[in-house]
Amino acid sequence: MLLVNRPVGIPQPGDFAVDEAVLEPIHDGQFRVRNLFLSVDPAQRGWANEGSNYAPAVPLGSVMRSLAVGRIIESRHADFPIGGHVYGWLGWQHYAVATPQDILSHFAEPVAPLSCYAGILGINGLTAHLALNGIGRPRVGDTVLVSTAAGAVGSVVGQLARSRGCEVVGLTGDDDKAQLCQTRFGYHRAANYKAGTIDTVLDTAVPEGVDVFFDSVGGEILDATLRRMRTGGRIVQCGTASIATWSPDPIGLRNEREVLTRRLSWGGFVIFDHVVEFPGAIAELAVALRSGALAYDEDIRAGLDRAPGALIDLYAGRNRGKVLISLG
């Protein structure tokens, strides 16, 4: 799946084209991967548009950048034998030629369903685990508020925070997801932020304030929550999904006074800065997953041609769980 037009905002199906190519021989140090599950992630909007400070924009005419899980079917690298499984930068395509630099995790025998390695044991679960502990630093009795609470990251954050003795509150975009947060993902309370003004929703959801805000949306929800943070609160900034474009830069409220007077810690988190921590974090998440302590949902769609529409649905909140494209 090639990116053929530079989109503005959320990429549309017309910005992509399907192409076929002959499989070229691989060289020493390379291995060929048969992709089985392609990841659909909010960051792909930025990669297709203007890029970011950790990943340049995808060049037009090239395969759309994507994380994926696959099986090695041909190898000229001793550490990546045929039959092993890998998760990494493999693109929206059926086959990928990779090197070790493209790989985030490598496992001979999966200890969970293979799709998990692109979700709860991939960057989604890893983001929840590493960002919550590293920046959020939850303590027993803390009130933890999570935006996109039913999403692939937020659903894990809720469960991890509750397991640490926190009062966990979620924000979602519809009533069904709010209910799911409470019945499946460990939230004590959850609210549909579209049910009223954000101030009214937060007054009901977190009447006594917030110690940790795990945020993936930014914008008005962040502005309103900053004014409800308790002294010494921690903000984990994992995304800015509510901002349609950063060119030109949007102008919001001045928040410096809130950070100062409330003595807040506000940290940005990009998962790819923490690759060295992946093996240990994956092992911890896998133990919790196998024990039944972590629930997860997947929204799996079959066929490469479904990928662009899946990205649109993700931003519209029409997904139910981690969005994957199955090529099996």
C-alpha atoms as a PDB file:
ATOM      1  CA  MET A   1       0.000   0.000   0.000  1.00  0.00           C
ATOM      2  CA  LEU A   2       1.717   3.160  -1.283  1.00  0.00           C
ATOM      3  CA  LEU A   3       1.175   6.705  -0.056  1.00  0.00           C
ATOM      4  CA  VAL A   4       0.592   8.643  -3.282  1.00  0.00           C
ATOM      5  CA  ASN A   5      -0.848  11.982  -2.080  1.00  0.00           C
ATOM      6  CA  ARG A   6       0.193  14.215   0.809  1.00  0.00           C
ATOM      7  CA  PRO A   7      -2.973  14.441   2.928  1.00  0.00           C
ATOM      8  CA  VAL A   8      -4.117  17.332   5.055  1.00  0.00           C
ATOM      9  CA  GLY A   9      -5.493  15.971   8.294  1.00  0.00           C
ATOM     10  CA  ILE A  10      -6.665  12.366   8.367  1.00  0.00           C
ATOM     11  CA  PRO A  11      -5.494  10.387   5.300  1.00  0.00           C
ATOM     12  CA  GLN A  12      -8.270   9.275   2.970  1.00  0.00           C
ATOM     13  CA  PRO A  13      -8.460   6.162   0.746  1.00  0.00           C
ATOM     14  CA  GLY A  14      -7.612   8.269  -2.302  1.00  0.00           C
ATOM     15  CA  ASP A  15      -4.263   9.133  -0.746  1.00  0.00           C
ATOM     16  CA  PHE A  16      -3.167   5.504  -1.151  1.00  0.00           C
ATOM     17  CA  ALA A  17      -2.720   3.050  -4.005  1.00  0.00           C
ATOM     18  CA  VAL A  18      -2.154  -0.699  -4.078  1.00  0.00           C
ATOM     19  CA  ASP A  19       0.862  -1.813  -6.083  1.00  0.00           C
ATOM     20  CA  GLU A  20       2.373  -5.190  -6.946  1.00  0.00           C
ATOM     21  CA  ALA A  21       6.065  -5.936  -7.232  1.00  0.00           C
ATOM     22  CA  VAL A  22       8.301  -8.943  -7.787  1.00  0.00           C
ATOM     23  CA  LEU A  23      10.081 -10.153  -4.649  1.00  0.00           C
ATOM     24  CA  GLU A  24      13.750  -9.240  -5.015  1.00  0.00           C
ATOM     25  CA  PRO A  25      16.538 -11.440  -3.587  1.00  0.00           C
ATOM     26  CA  ILE A  26      17.644 -10.589  -0.074  1.00  0.00           C
ATOM     27  CA  HIS A  27      21.253  -9.803   0.857  1.00  0.00           C
ATOM     28  CA  ASP A  28      23.544 -10.715   3.735  1.00  0.00           C
ATOM     29  CA  GLY A  29      22.217  -9.313   7.007  1.00  0.00           C
ATOM     30  CA  GLN A  30      18.633  -9.212   5.746  1.00  0.00           C
ATOM     31  CA  PHE A  31      15.582 -11.427   6.207  1.00  0.00           C
ATOM     32  CA  ARG A  32      12.194 -11.592   4.515  1.00  0.00           C
ATOM     33  CA  VAL A  33       9.049 -11.356   6.622  1.00  0.00           C
ATOM     34  CA  ARG A  34       5.565 -12.505   5.695  1.00  0.00           C
ATOM     35  CA  ASN A  35       3.378  -9.937   7.444  1.00  0.00           C
ATOM     36  CA  LEU A  36       0.422 -11.394   9.333  1.00  0.00           C
ATOM     37  CA  PHE A  37      -1.003  -8.444  11.303  1.00  0.00           C
ATOM     38  CA  LEU A  38      -0.583  -4.806  10.313  1.00  0.00           C
ATOM     39  CA  SER A  39      -1.033  -2.143  12.955  1.00  0.00           C
ATOM     40  CA  VAL A  40      -3.284   0.882  12.485  1.00  0.00           C
ATOM     41  CA  ASP A  41      -2.191   3.710  14.791  1.00  0.00           C
ATOM     42  CA  PRO A  42      -3.049   7.397  15.345  1.00  0.00           C
ATOM     43  CA  ALA A  43       0.572   8.362  14.685  1.00  0.00           C
ATOM     44  CA  GLN A  44       0.142   7.377  11.038  1.00  0.00           C
ATOM     45  CA  ARG A  45      -1.740  10.602  10.404  1.00  0.00           C
ATOM     46  CA  GLY A  46       1.402  12.550  11.308  1.00  0.00           C
ATOM     47  CA  TRP A  47       3.687  10.212   9.374  1.00  0.00           C
ATOM     48  CA  ALA A  48       1.570  10.683   6.232  1.00  0.00           C
ATOM     49  CA  ASN A  49       1.295  14.464   6.700  1.00  0.00           C
ATOM     50  CA  GLU A  50       4.241  16.462   7.956  1.00  0.00           C
ATOM     51  CA  GLY A  51       6.165  13.855   9.926  1.00  0.00           C
ATOM     52  CA  SER A  52       7.495  14.519  13.413  1.00  0.00           C
ATOM     53  CA  ASN A  53      10.720  15.137  15.285  1.00  0.00           C
ATOM     54  CA  TYR A  54      11.237  11.383  15.642  1.00  0.00           C
ATOM     55  CA  ALA A  55       9.995  10.199  12.239  1.00  0.00           C
ATOM     56  CA  PRO A  56      10.071  12.088   8.920  1.00  0.00           C
ATOM     57  CA  ALA A  57       7.060  12.161   6.639  1.00  0.00           C
ATOM     58  CA  VAL A  58       6.564   9.050   4.526  1.00  0.00           C
ATOM     59  CA  PRO A  59       7.935   9.811   1.025  1.00  0.00           C
ATOM     60  CA  LEU A  60       5.271   9.862  -1.669  1.00  0.00           C
ATOM     61  CA  GLY A  61       5.296   6.711  -3.769  1.00  0.00           C
ATOM     62  CA  SER A  62       6.674   4.542  -0.959  1.00  0.00           C
ATOM     63  CA  VAL A  63       5.064   1.918   1.273  1.00  0.00           C
ATOM     64  CA  MET A  64       3.020   3.427   4.090  1.00  0.00           C
ATOM     65  CA  ARG A  65       4.976   3.262   7.325  1.00  0.00           C
ATOM     66  CA  SER A  66       3.469   0.835   9.796  1.00  0.00           C
ATOM     67  CA  LEU A  67       4.323  -1.514  12.580  1.00  0.00           C
ATOM     68  CA  ALA A  68       3.447  -5.134  11.912  1.00  0.00           C
ATOM     69  CA  VAL A  69       3.880  -8.670  13.205  1.00  0.00           C
ATOM     70  CA  GLY A  70       5.080 -11.359  10.836  1.00  0.00           C
ATOM     71  CA  ARG A  71       6.954 -14.603  10.370  1.00  0.00           C
ATOM     72  CA  ILE A  72      10.438 -14.899   8.911  1.00  0.00           C
ATOM     73  CA  ILE A  73      10.257 -16.974   5.724  1.00  0.00           C
ATOM     74  CA  GLU A  74      13.761 -16.365   4.338  1.00  0.00           C
ATOM     75  CA  SER A  75      16.894 -15.255   6.130  1.00  0.00           C
ATOM     76  CA  ARG A  76      20.516 -14.334   5.628  1.00  0.00           C
ATOM     77  CA  HIS A  77      21.025 -13.266   9.230  1.00  0.00           C
ATOM     78  CA  ALA A  78      22.067 -15.830  11.858  1.00  0.00           C
ATOM     79  CA  ASP A  79      20.139 -14.151  14.691  1.00  0.00           C
ATOM     80  CA  PHE A  80      16.838 -14.143  12.760  1.00  0.00           C
ATOM     81  CA  PRO A  81      16.240 -17.727  11.601  1.00  0.00           C
ATOM     82  CA  ILE A  82      13.403 -18.903   9.387  1.00  0.00           C
ATOM     83  CA  GLY A  83      10.260 -19.598  11.386  1.00  0.00           C
ATOM     84  CA  GLY A  84      10.822 -16.916  14.017  1.00  0.00           C
ATOM     85  CA  HIS A  85       8.405 -14.057  14.566  1.00  0.00           C
ATOM     86  CA  VAL A  86       9.163 -10.346  14.612  1.00  0.00           C
ATOM     87  CA  TYR A  87       7.419  -7.062  15.380  1.00  0.00           C
ATOM     88  CA  GLY A  88       8.692  -3.861  13.867  1.00  0.00           C
ATOM     89  CA  TRP A  89       8.753  -1.411  10.978  1.00  0.00           C
ATOM     90  CA  LEU A  90       7.437  -3.705   8.261  1.00  0.00           C
ATOM     91  CA  GLY A  91       4.937  -1.435   6.483  1.00  0.00           C
ATOM     92  CA  TRP A  92       1.480  -1.812   5.039  1.00  0.00           C
ATOM     93  CA  GLN A  93       2.455  -4.690   2.731  1.00  0.00           C
ATOM     94  CA  HIS A  94       2.324  -8.480   2.515  1.00  0.00           C
ATOM     95  CA  TYR A  95       6.084  -9.040   2.471  1.00  0.00           C
ATOM     96  CA  ALA A  96       8.911  -6.960   3.898  1.00  0.00           C
ATOM     97  CA  VAL A  97      12.691  -7.170   3.636  1.00  0.00           C
ATOM     98  CA  ALA A  98      14.073  -6.215   7.036  1.00  0.00           C
ATOM     99  CA  THR A  99      17.275  -5.826   9.027  1.00  0.00           C
ATOM    100  CA  PRO A 100      17.692  -5.907  12.827  1.00  0.00           C
ATOM    101  CA  GLN A 101      17.342  -2.115  12.921  1.00  0.00           C
ATOM    102  CA  ASP A 102      13.734  -2.465  11.762  1.00  0.00           C
ATOM    103  CA  ILE A 103      12.743  -4.801  14.596  1.00  0.00           C
ATOM    104  CA  LEU A 104      11.338  -3.851  17.996  1.00  0.00           C
ATOM    105  CA  SER A 105      10.817  -7.371  19.353  1.00  0.00           C
ATOM    106  CA  HIS A 106      11.804 -10.869  18.215  1.00  0.00           C
ATOM    107  CA  PHE A 107      10.322 -14.085  19.577  1.00  0.00           C
ATOM    108  CA  ALA A 108      10.683 -17.682  18.453  1.00  0.00           C
ATOM    109  CA  GLU A 109       7.610 -19.052  20.201  1.00  0.00           C
ATOM    110  CA  PRO A 110       4.727 -16.670  20.973  1.00  0.00           C
ATOM    111  CA  VAL A 111       3.367 -16.954  24.524  1.00  0.00           C
ATOM    112  CA  ALA A 112       0.106 -15.257  23.515  1.00  0.00           C
ATOM    113  CA  PRO A 113      -1.965 -14.993  20.335  1.00  0.00           C
ATOM    114  CA  LEU A 114       0.270 -13.516  17.644  1.00  0.00           C
ATOM    115  CA  SER A 115      -1.957 -10.474  17.211  1.00  0.00           C
ATOM    116  CA  CYS A 116      -1.186  -9.447  20.815  1.00  0.00           C
ATOM    117  CA  TYR A 117       2.375  -8.603  19.807  1.00  0.00           C
ATOM    118  CA  ALA A 118       1.002  -5.751  17.683  1.00  0.00           C
ATOM    119  CA  GLY A 119      -1.189  -4.462  20.513  1.00  0.00           C
ATOM    120  CA  ILE A 120      -1.130  -5.229  24.200  1.00  0.00           C
ATOM    121  CA  LEU A 121       2.395  -6.702  23.899  1.00  0.00           C
ATOM    122  CA  GLY A 122       3.346  -4.088  21.285  1.00  0.00           C
ATOM    123  CA  ILE A 123       3.599  -0.311  21.470  1.00  0.00           C
ATOM    124  CA  ASN A 124       0.095   0.093  22.924  1.00  0.00           C
ATOM    125  CA  GLY A 125       0.636  -2.006  26.015  1.00  0.00           C
ATOM    126  CA  LEU A 126       4.238  -0.837  26.277  1.00  0.00           C
ATOM    127  CA  THR A 127       3.182   2.808  26.151  1.00  0.00           C
ATOM    128  CA  ALA A 128       0.613   2.243  28.886  1.00  0.00           C
ATOM    129  CA  HIS A 129       3.103   0.422  31.105  1.00  0.00           C
ATOM    130  CA  LEU A 130       6.198   2.577  30.607  1.00  0.00           C
ATOM    131  CA  ALA A 131       4.510   5.992  30.440  1.00  0.00           C
ATOM    132  CA  LEU A 132       2.232   5.423  33.425  1.00  0.00           C
ATOM    133  CA  ASN A 133       5.081   4.214  35.616  1.00  0.00           C
ATOM    134  CA  GLY A 134       7.804   6.502  34.289  1.00  0.00           C
ATOM    135  CA  ILE A 135       5.932   9.818  34.127  1.00  0.00           C
ATOM    136  CA  GLY A 136       2.663   9.223  35.973  1.00  0.00           C
ATOM    137  CA  ARG A 137       4.269   7.527  38.981  1.00  0.00           C
ATOM    138  CA  PRO A 138       0.907   6.384  40.408  1.00  0.00           C
ATOM    139  CA  ARG A 139       0.562   6.004  44.155  1.00  0.00           C
ATOM    140  CA  VAL A 140      -2.051   4.234  46.240  1.00  0.00           C
ATOM    141  CA  GLY A 141      -5.075   6.496  46.580  1.00  0.00           C
ATOM    142  CA  ASP A 142      -4.284   8.686  43.575  1.00  0.00           C
ATOM    143  CA  THR A 143      -7.074   9.696  41.230  1.00  0.00           C
ATOM    144  CA  VAL A 144      -5.975   8.803  37.699  1.00  0.00           C
ATOM    145  CA  LEU A 145      -7.912  10.289  34.771  1.00  0.00           C
ATOM    146  CA  VAL A 146      -7.436   8.729  31.327  1.00  0.00           C
ATOM    147  CA  SER A 147      -8.581  10.170  28.001  1.00  0.00           C
ATOM    148  CA  THR A 148      -9.429   7.715  25.171  1.00  0.00           C
ATOM    149  CA  ALA A 149      -9.995   5.366  28.082  1.00  0.00           C
ATOM    150  CA  ALA A 150     -11.387   2.458  26.052  1.00  0.00           C
ATOM    151  CA  GLY A 151      -8.664   2.612  23.401  1.00  0.00           C
ATOM    152  CA  ALA A 152      -5.744   0.259  22.889  1.00  0.00           C
ATOM    153  CA  VAL A 153      -3.535   2.284  25.252  1.00  0.00           C
ATOM    154  CA  GLY A 154      -6.120   3.692  27.639  1.00  0.00           C
ATOM    155  CA  SER A 155      -7.748   0.339  28.346  1.00  0.00           C
ATOM    156  CA  VAL A 156      -4.403  -0.982  29.621  1.00  0.00           C
ATOM    157  CA  VAL A 157      -3.663   2.187  31.598  1.00  0.00           C
ATOM    158  CA  GLY A 158      -6.943   1.812  33.468  1.00  0.00           C
ATOM    159  CA  GLN A 159      -6.193  -1.744  34.496  1.00  0.00           C
ATOM    160  CA  LEU A 160      -2.602  -1.033  35.495  1.00  0.00           C
ATOM    161  CA  ALA A 161      -3.576   2.030  37.539  1.00  0.00           C
ATOM    162  CA  ARG A 162      -6.286   0.142  39.385  1.00  0.00           C
ATOM    163  CA  SER A 163      -3.870  -2.683  40.178  1.00  0.00           C
ATOM    164  CA  ARG A 164      -1.698  -0.064  41.899  1.00  0.00           C
ATOM    165  CA  GLY A 165      -4.513   0.998  44.219  1.00  0.00           C
ATOM    166  CA  CYS A 166      -5.616   4.113  42.342  1.00  0.00           C
ATOM    167  CA  GLU A 167      -9.081   5.548  41.813  1.00  0.00           C
ATOM    168  CA  VAL A 168      -9.378   5.304  38.016  1.00  0.00           C
ATOM    169  CA  VAL A 169     -11.677   7.501  35.911  1.00  0.00           C
ATOM    170  CA  GLY A 170     -12.043   7.324  32.142  1.00  0.00           C
ATOM    171  CA  LEU A 171     -13.176   9.689  29.396  1.00  0.00           C
ATOM    172  CA  THR A 172     -14.567   8.245  26.155  1.00  0.00           C
ATOM    173  CA  GLY A 173     -16.516   9.418  23.139  1.00  0.00           C
ATOM    174  CA  ASP A 174     -19.724   7.411  23.624  1.00  0.00           C
ATOM    175  CA  ASP A 175     -21.853   5.777  26.306  1.00  0.00           C
ATOM    176  CA  ASP A 176     -21.139   2.204  25.214  1.00  0.00           C
ATOM    177  CA  LYS A 177     -17.392   2.712  25.580  1.00  0.00           C
ATOM    178  CA  ALA A 178     -17.889   4.333  28.968  1.00  0.00           C
ATOM    179  CA  GLN A 179     -19.776   1.252  30.089  1.00  0.00           C
ATOM    180  CA  LEU A 180     -17.066  -0.995  28.671  1.00  0.00           C
ATOM    181  CA  CYS A 181     -14.441   0.845  30.688  1.00  0.00           C
ATOM    182  CA  GLN A 182     -16.262  -0.025  33.889  1.00  0.00           C
ATOM    183  CA  THR A 183     -17.292  -3.581  33.117  1.00  0.00           C
ATOM    184  CA  ARG A 184     -14.136  -4.782  31.362  1.00  0.00           C
ATOM    185  CA  PHE A 185     -11.163  -2.484  31.895  1.00  0.00           C
ATOM    186  CA  GLY A 186     -11.158  -1.794  35.618  1.00  0.00           C
ATOM    187  CA  TYR A 187     -12.359   1.804  35.736  1.00  0.00           C
ATOM    188  CA  HIS A 188     -14.246   2.916  38.822  1.00  0.00           C
ATOM    189  CA  ARG A 189     -16.075   5.533  36.770  1.00  0.00           C
ATOM    190  CA  ALA A 190     -16.190   6.562  33.127  1.00  0.00           C
ATOM    191  CA  ALA A 191     -17.944   9.368  31.297  1.00  0.00           C
ATOM    192  CA  ASN A 192     -18.850  10.289  27.751  1.00  0.00           C
ATOM    193  CA  TYR A 193     -17.182  13.663  27.302  1.00  0.00           C
ATOM    194  CA  LYS A 194     -19.720  14.524  24.589  1.00  0.00           C
ATOM    195  CA  ALA A 195     -22.630  14.262  27.057  1.00  0.00           C
ATOM    196  CA  GLY A 196     -22.297  17.928  28.050  1.00  0.00           C
ATOM    197  CA  THR A 197     -19.718  20.666  28.289  1.00  0.00           C
ATOM    198  CA  ILE A 198     -16.309  19.323  29.254  1.00  0.00           C
ATOM    199  CA  ASP A 199     -16.441  21.374  32.455  1.00  0.00           C
ATOM    200  CA  THR A 200     -19.741  19.787  33.461  1.00  0.00           C
ATOM    201  CA  VAL A 201     -18.478  16.299  32.639  1.00  0.00           C
ATOM    202  CA  LEU A 202     -15.292  16.762  34.664  1.00  0.00           C
ATOM    203  CA  ASP A 203     -17.123  18.321  37.609  1.00  0.00           C
ATOM    204  CA  THR A 204     -19.097  15.081  37.895  1.00  0.00           C
ATOM    205  CA  ALA A 205     -16.326  12.629  36.975  1.00  0.00           C
ATOM    206  CA  VAL A 206     -13.492  14.051  39.122  1.00  0.00           C
ATOM    207  CA  PRO A 207     -15.133  16.401  41.646  1.00  0.00           C
ATOM    208  CA  GLU A 208     -12.127  16.338  43.998  1.00  0.00           C
ATOM    209  CA  GLY A 209      -9.462  16.775  41.340  1.00  0.00           C
ATOM    210  CA  VAL A 210      -6.859  14.674  39.541  1.00  0.00           C
ATOM    211  CA  ASP A 211      -3.428  13.408  40.591  1.00  0.00           C
ATOM    212  CA  VAL A 212      -2.409  11.770  37.301  1.00  0.00           C
ATOM    213  CA  PHE A 213      -3.800  12.671  33.872  1.00  0.00           C
ATOM    214  CA  PHE A 214      -2.894  10.209  31.125  1.00  0.00           C
ATOM    215  CA  ASP A 215      -3.768  12.145  27.988  1.00  0.00           C
ATOM    216  CA  SER A 216      -3.783  11.220  24.328  1.00  0.00           C
ATOM    217  CA  VAL A 217      -6.022  13.974  22.940  1.00  0.00           C
ATOM    218  CA  GLY A 218      -4.872  17.415  24.107  1.00  0.00           C
ATOM    219  CA  GLY A 219      -7.041  20.412  23.237  1.00  0.00           C
ATOM    220  CA  GLU A 220     -10.036  21.452  25.328  1.00  0.00           C
ATOM    221  CA  ILE A 221     -10.024  18.323  27.488  1.00  0.00           C
ATOM    222  CA  LEU A 222      -6.423  18.983  28.491  1.00  0.00           C
ATOM    223  CA  ASP A 223      -7.094  22.688  29.115  1.00  0.00           C
ATOM    224  CA  ALA A 224     -10.016  21.876  31.396  1.00  0.00           C
ATOM    225  CA  THR A 225      -8.218  19.097  33.249  1.00  0.00           C
ATOM    226  CA  LEU A 226      -5.159  21.261  33.998  1.00  0.00           C
ATOM    227  CA  ARG A 227      -7.422  23.438  36.113  1.00  0.00           C
ATOM    228  CA  ARG A 228      -8.516  20.390  38.097  1.00  0.00           C
ATOM    229  CA  MET A 229      -5.069  18.961  38.828  1.00  0.00           C
ATOM    230  CA  ARG A 230      -4.148  18.571  42.472  1.00  0.00           C
ATOM    231  CA  THR A 231      -0.930  20.049  43.825  1.00  0.00           C
ATOM    232  CA  GLY A 232       2.008  17.942  42.682  1.00  0.00           C
ATOM    233  CA  GLY A 233       0.004  16.269  39.919  1.00  0.00           C
ATOM    234  CA  ARG A 234       1.579  14.507  36.958  1.00  0.00           C
ATOM    235  CA  ILE A 235       0.463  14.792  33.335  1.00  0.00           C
ATOM    236  CA  VAL A 236       1.452  12.107  30.839  1.00  0.00           C
ATOM    237  CA  GLN A 237       1.209  13.510  27.300  1.00  0.00           C
ATOM    238  CA  CYS A 238       1.011  10.561  24.915  1.00  0.00           C
ATOM    239  CA  GLY A 239      -0.844  12.144  22.013  1.00  0.00           C
ATOM    240  CA  THR A 240      -2.739  15.139  20.671  1.00  0.00           C
ATOM    241  CA  ALA A 241      -5.466  13.445  18.638  1.00  0.00           C
ATOM    242  CA  SER A 242      -7.968  16.300  18.996  1.00  0.00           C
ATOM    243  CA  ILE A 243      -5.729  18.754  17.114  1.00  0.00           C
ATOM    244  CA  ALA A 244      -6.536  18.580  13.407  1.00  0.00           C
ATOM    245  CA  THR A 245      -3.291  20.145  12.196  1.00  0.00           C
ATOM    246  CA  TRP A 246      -0.148  21.716  13.631  1.00  0.00           C
ATOM    247  CA  SER A 247       0.450  23.972  10.641  1.00  0.00           C
ATOM    248  CA  PRO A 248      -0.168  26.707  11.551  1.00  0.00           C
ATOM    249  CA  ASP A 249       0.235  26.081  15.258  1.00  0.00           C
ATOM    250  CA  PRO A 250      -3.098  26.303  17.091  1.00  0.00           C
ATOM    251  CA  ILE A 251      -3.345  28.858  19.894  1.00  0.00           C
ATOM    252  CA  GLY A 252      -4.952  27.843  23.172  1.00  0.00           C
ATOM    253  CA  LEU A 253      -5.158  29.022  26.746  1.00  0.00           C
ATOM    254  CA  ARG A 254      -2.033  30.085  28.592  1.00  0.00           C
ATOM    255  CA  ASN A 255      -1.342  27.244  31.000  1.00  0.00           C
ATOM    256  CA  GLU A 256       1.978  28.262  32.548  1.00  0.00           C
ATOM    257  CA  ARG A 257       0.279  29.612  35.668  1.00  0.00           C
ATOM    258  CA  GLU A 258      -1.478  26.305  36.284  1.00  0.00           C
ATOM    259  CA  VAL A 259       1.779  24.367  35.964  1.00  0.00           C
ATOM    260  CA  LEU A 260       3.533  26.779  38.314  1.00  0.00           C
ATOM    261  CA  THR A 261       0.982  27.222  41.073  1.00  0.00           C
ATOM    262  CA  ARG A 262      -0.083  23.565  41.162  1.00  0.00           C
ATOM    263  CA  ARG A 263       3.570  22.392  40.983  1.00  0.00           C
ATOM    264  CA  LEU A 264       2.744  20.062  38.113  1.00  0.00           C
ATOM    265  CA  SER A 265       5.030  17.684  36.255  1.00  0.00           C
ATOM    266  CA  TRP A 266       4.082  17.503  32.581  1.00  0.00           C
ATOM    267  CA  GLY A 267       5.999  14.989  30.507  1.00  0.00           C
ATOM    268  CA  GLY A 268       5.814  14.014  26.871  1.00  0.00           C
ATOM    269  CA  PHE A 269       6.170  10.339  26.026  1.00  0.00           C
ATOM    270  CA  VAL A 270       7.260   8.828  22.703  1.00  0.00           C
ATOM    271  CA  ILE A 271       7.481   5.057  22.955  1.00  0.00           C
ATOM    272  CA  PHE A 272      10.396   4.713  20.528  1.00  0.00           C
ATOM    273  CA  ASP A 273      12.673   6.486  23.010  1.00  0.00           C
ATOM    274  CA  HIS A 274      12.359   3.450  25.277  1.00  0.00           C
ATOM    275  CA  VAL A 275      13.190   0.467  23.064  1.00  0.00           C
ATOM    276  CA  VAL A 276      15.879  -0.721  25.483  1.00  0.00           C
ATOM    277  CA  GLU A 277      13.132  -1.250  28.077  1.00  0.00           C
ATOM    278  CA  PHE A 278      10.894  -3.323  25.801  1.00  0.00           C
ATOM    279  CA  PRO A 279      12.040  -6.853  26.716  1.00  0.00           C
ATOM    280  CA  GLY A 280      11.442  -6.434  30.440  1.00  0.00           C
ATOM    281  CA  ALA A 281       8.150  -4.626  29.957  1.00  0.00           C
ATOM    282  CA  ILE A 282       6.872  -7.212  27.470  1.00  0.00           C
ATOM    283  CA  ALA A 283       7.741  -9.975  29.938  1.00  0.00           C
ATOM    284  CA  GLU A 284       5.803  -8.232  32.725  1.00  0.00           C
ATOM    285  CA  LEU A 285       2.789  -7.612  30.515  1.00  0.00           C
ATOM    286  CA  ALA A 286       2.846 -11.212  29.247  1.00  0.00           C
ATOM    287  CA  VAL A 287       2.749 -12.564  32.810  1.00  0.00           C
ATOM    288  CA  ALA A 288      -0.271 -10.377  33.619  1.00  0.00           C
ATOM    289  CA  LEU A 289      -1.932 -11.333  30.345  1.00  0.00           C
ATOM    290  CA  ARG A 290      -1.501 -15.082  30.868  1.00  0.00           C
ATOM    291  CA  SER A 291      -2.758 -14.836  34.454  1.00  0.00           C
ATOM    292  CA  GLY A 292      -5.974 -13.175  33.308  1.00  0.00           C
ATOM    293  CA  ALA A 293      -5.129  -9.897  35.048  1.00  0.00           C
ATOM    294  CA  LEU A 294      -5.243  -7.934  31.772  1.00  0.00           C
ATOM    295  CA  ALA A 295      -8.223  -7.824  29.447  1.00  0.00           C
ATOM    296  CA  TYR A 296      -7.871  -6.621  25.876  1.00  0.00           C
ATOM    297  CA  ASP A 297     -10.062  -6.184  22.806  1.00  0.00           C
ATOM    298  CA  GLU A 298      -9.108  -6.294  19.141  1.00  0.00           C
ATOM    299  CA  ASP A 299     -10.804  -4.918  16.045  1.00  0.00           C
ATOM    300  CA  ILE A 300      -9.338  -7.109  13.297  1.00  0.00           C
ATOM    301  CA  ARG A 301     -10.197  -6.450   9.646  1.00  0.00           C
ATOM    302  CA  ALA A 302      -9.166  -8.762   6.833  1.00  0.00           C
ATOM    303  CA  GLY A 303      -7.345  -7.515   3.744  1.00  0.00           C
ATOM    304  CA  LEU A 304      -4.772  -4.862   2.927  1.00  0.00           C
ATOM    305  CA  ASP A 305      -7.375  -2.750   1.150  1.00  0.00           C
ATOM    306  CA  ARG A 306      -9.163  -2.203   4.481  1.00  0.00           C
ATOM    307  CA  ALA A 307      -6.223  -0.315   6.007  1.00  0.00           C
ATOM    308  CA  PRO A 308      -7.045   3.299   4.940  1.00  0.00           C
ATOM    309  CA  GLY A 309     -10.673   3.018   6.045  1.00  0.00           C
ATOM    310  CA  ALA A 310      -9.571   1.507   9.340  1.00  0.00           C
ATOM    311  CA  LEU A 311      -7.433   4.580  10.029  1.00  0.00           C
ATOM    312  CA  ILE A 312     -10.427   6.838   9.357  1.00  0.00           C
ATOM    313  CA  ASP A 313     -12.586   4.752  11.701  1.00  0.00           C
ATOM    314  CA  LEU A 314      -9.925   4.943  14.389  1.00  0.00           C
ATOM    315  CA  TYR A 315     -10.025   8.733  14.409  1.00  0.00           C
ATOM    316  CA  ALA A 316     -13.827   8.715  14.331  1.00  0.00           C
ATOM    317  CA  GLY A 317     -13.944   6.388  17.334  1.00  0.00           C
ATOM    318  CA  ARG A 318     -15.729   3.663  15.395  1.00  0.00           C
ATOM    319  CA  ASN A 319     -13.281   0.951  16.446  1.00  0.00           C
ATOM    320  CA  ARG A 320     -13.746  -1.464  19.341  1.00  0.00           C
ATOM    321  CA  GLY A 321     -10.268  -2.322  20.560  1.00  0.00           C
ATOM    322  CA  LYS A 322      -6.850  -2.376  18.944  1.00  0.00           C
ATOM    323  CA  VAL A 323      -7.242  -1.974  15.170  1.00  0.00           C
ATOM    324  CA  LEU A 324      -5.343  -4.556  13.116  1.00  0.00           C
ATOM    325  CA  ILE A 325      -5.331  -5.633   9.495  1.00  0.00           C
ATOM    326  CA  SER A 326      -5.088  -9.384   9.099  1.00  0.00           C
ATOM    327  CA  LEU A 327      -3.118 -10.774   6.146  1.00  0.00           C
ATOM    328  CA  GLY A 328      -2.980 -14.359   7.409  1.00  0.00           C
END
